[in-house]
Amino acid sequence: MMAETWLPSLKTAGPQEGFELAAKLARLGVKLTQPSADVRDKLRANYEQDSAQLIASSQVIAVHFQTIAAANGYWRD
């Protein structure tokens, strides 16, 4: 696991920053799952041309963004 605290809060300045955080969470999830940069680089060639895997990646980001949006109340009146 990560030794340093890098995510003190899910609060962001706005939705764009929240979406960027969601993408970062997705990338870090992959990095924690597969810590070898060499293996990740080799696997990238497989999924970068696979629309189903790209859509799945987008879904992961969307789930993270839902969480961040809820934490920030983006859709409150």
C-alpha atoms as a PDB file:
ATOM      1  CA  MET A   1       0.000   0.000   0.000  1.00  0.00           C
ATOM      2  CA  MET A   2       0.961   3.651  -0.222  1.00  0.00           C
ATOM      3  CA  ALA A   3       3.058   4.888   2.671  1.00  0.00           C
ATOM      4  CA  GLU A   4       2.414   8.602   2.279  1.00  0.00           C
ATOM      5  CA  THR A   5      -0.909  10.404   2.590  1.00  0.00           C
ATOM      6  CA  TRP A   6      -1.679  11.909  -0.810  1.00  0.00           C
ATOM      7  CA  LEU A   7      -5.466  12.206  -0.586  1.00  0.00           C
ATOM      8  CA  PRO A   8      -6.422  14.245   2.465  1.00  0.00           C
ATOM      9  CA  SER A   9      -9.931  14.929   1.139  1.00  0.00           C
ATOM     10  CA  LEU A  10     -12.300  14.320  -1.749  1.00  0.00           C
ATOM     11  CA  LYS A  11     -13.233  18.002  -1.738  1.00  0.00           C
ATOM     12  CA  THR A  12     -12.316  19.792  -4.963  1.00  0.00           C
ATOM     13  CA  ALA A  13     -12.631  23.328  -6.308  1.00  0.00           C
ATOM     14  CA  GLY A  14     -15.143  22.266  -8.942  1.00  0.00           C
ATOM     15  CA  PRO A  15     -16.386  19.460 -11.173  1.00  0.00           C
ATOM     16  CA  GLN A  16     -13.430  19.572 -13.583  1.00  0.00           C
ATOM     17  CA  GLU A  17     -10.951  19.179 -10.738  1.00  0.00           C
ATOM     18  CA  GLY A  18     -13.190  16.420  -9.383  1.00  0.00           C
ATOM     19  CA  PHE A  19     -13.111  14.579 -12.696  1.00  0.00           C
ATOM     20  CA  GLU A  20      -9.316  14.891 -12.822  1.00  0.00           C
ATOM     21  CA  LEU A  21      -9.158  13.419  -9.316  1.00  0.00           C
ATOM     22  CA  ALA A  22     -11.421  10.556 -10.439  1.00  0.00           C
ATOM     23  CA  ALA A  23      -9.054   9.769 -13.321  1.00  0.00           C
ATOM     24  CA  LYS A  24      -6.101   9.862 -10.928  1.00  0.00           C
ATOM     25  CA  LEU A  25      -7.851   7.460  -8.563  1.00  0.00           C
ATOM     26  CA  ALA A  26      -8.419   5.055 -11.456  1.00  0.00           C
ATOM     27  CA  ARG A  27      -4.746   5.241 -12.502  1.00  0.00           C
ATOM     28  CA  LEU A  28      -3.548   4.698  -8.947  1.00  0.00           C
ATOM     29  CA  GLY A  29      -5.895   1.743  -8.567  1.00  0.00           C
ATOM     30  CA  VAL A  30      -4.225   0.099 -11.544  1.00  0.00           C
ATOM     31  CA  LYS A  31      -0.791   0.944 -10.157  1.00  0.00           C
ATOM     32  CA  LEU A  32      -1.621  -0.639  -6.796  1.00  0.00           C
ATOM     33  CA  THR A  33      -3.048  -3.717  -8.509  1.00  0.00           C
ATOM     34  CA  GLN A  34      -0.045  -4.101 -10.840  1.00  0.00           C
ATOM     35  CA  PRO A  35       2.979  -2.409  -9.250  1.00  0.00           C
ATOM     36  CA  SER A  36       5.359  -3.320 -12.090  1.00  0.00           C
ATOM     37  CA  ALA A  37       5.664  -0.431 -14.550  1.00  0.00           C
ATOM     38  CA  ASP A  38       7.163  -2.824 -17.104  1.00  0.00           C
ATOM     39  CA  VAL A  39       4.149  -5.119 -16.940  1.00  0.00           C
ATOM     40  CA  ARG A  40       1.731  -2.182 -17.137  1.00  0.00           C
ATOM     41  CA  ASP A  41       3.561  -0.863 -20.205  1.00  0.00           C
ATOM     42  CA  LYS A  42       3.340  -4.282 -21.888  1.00  0.00           C
ATOM     43  CA  LEU A  43      -0.366  -4.609 -21.080  1.00  0.00           C
ATOM     44  CA  ARG A  44      -1.149  -1.130 -22.390  1.00  0.00           C
ATOM     45  CA  ALA A  45      -0.637  -2.309 -25.974  1.00  0.00           C
ATOM     46  CA  ASN A  46      -3.457  -4.829 -25.444  1.00  0.00           C
ATOM     47  CA  TYR A  47      -6.087  -2.494 -24.054  1.00  0.00           C
ATOM     48  CA  GLU A  48      -5.365   0.732 -25.946  1.00  0.00           C
ATOM     49  CA  GLN A  49      -6.858  -0.826 -29.099  1.00  0.00           C
ATOM     50  CA  ASP A  50      -9.747  -2.625 -27.344  1.00  0.00           C
ATOM     51  CA  SER A  51     -12.927  -0.564 -27.173  1.00  0.00           C
ATOM     52  CA  ALA A  52     -14.494  -2.774 -24.482  1.00  0.00           C
ATOM     53  CA  GLN A  53     -11.506  -2.308 -22.188  1.00  0.00           C
ATOM     54  CA  LEU A  54     -11.455   1.437 -22.829  1.00  0.00           C
ATOM     55  CA  ILE A  55     -15.154   1.646 -21.983  1.00  0.00           C
ATOM     56  CA  ALA A  56     -14.500  -0.351 -18.799  1.00  0.00           C
ATOM     57  CA  SER A  57     -11.780   2.145 -17.865  1.00  0.00           C
ATOM     58  CA  SER A  58     -14.231   4.996 -18.411  1.00  0.00           C
ATOM     59  CA  GLN A  59     -16.736   3.250 -16.163  1.00  0.00           C
ATOM     60  CA  VAL A  60     -14.194   3.046 -13.342  1.00  0.00           C
ATOM     61  CA  ILE A  61     -13.518   6.773 -13.667  1.00  0.00           C
ATOM     62  CA  ALA A  62     -17.275   7.450 -13.691  1.00  0.00           C
ATOM     63  CA  VAL A  63     -17.770   5.529 -10.439  1.00  0.00           C
ATOM     64  CA  HIS A  64     -14.955   7.478  -8.796  1.00  0.00           C
ATOM     65  CA  PHE A  65     -16.462  10.722 -10.113  1.00  0.00           C
ATOM     66  CA  GLN A  66     -19.861   9.806  -8.616  1.00  0.00           C
ATOM     67  CA  THR A  67     -18.203   9.447  -5.222  1.00  0.00           C
ATOM     68  CA  ILE A  68     -16.336  12.737  -5.561  1.00  0.00           C
ATOM     69  CA  ALA A  69     -19.449  14.529  -6.809  1.00  0.00           C
ATOM     70  CA  ALA A  70     -21.425  13.264  -3.819  1.00  0.00           C
ATOM     71  CA  ALA A  71     -18.672  14.387  -1.435  1.00  0.00           C
ATOM     72  CA  ASN A  72     -18.709  17.849  -2.989  1.00  0.00           C
ATOM     73  CA  GLY A  73     -22.450  18.204  -3.484  1.00  0.00           C
ATOM     74  CA  TYR A  74     -22.044  19.183  -7.144  1.00  0.00           C
ATOM     75  CA  TRP A  75     -25.751  18.675  -7.848  1.00  0.00           C
ATOM     76  CA  ARG A  76     -27.252  20.327  -4.804  1.00  0.00           C
ATOM     77  CA  ASP A  77     -29.567  23.247  -5.365  1.00  0.00           C
END
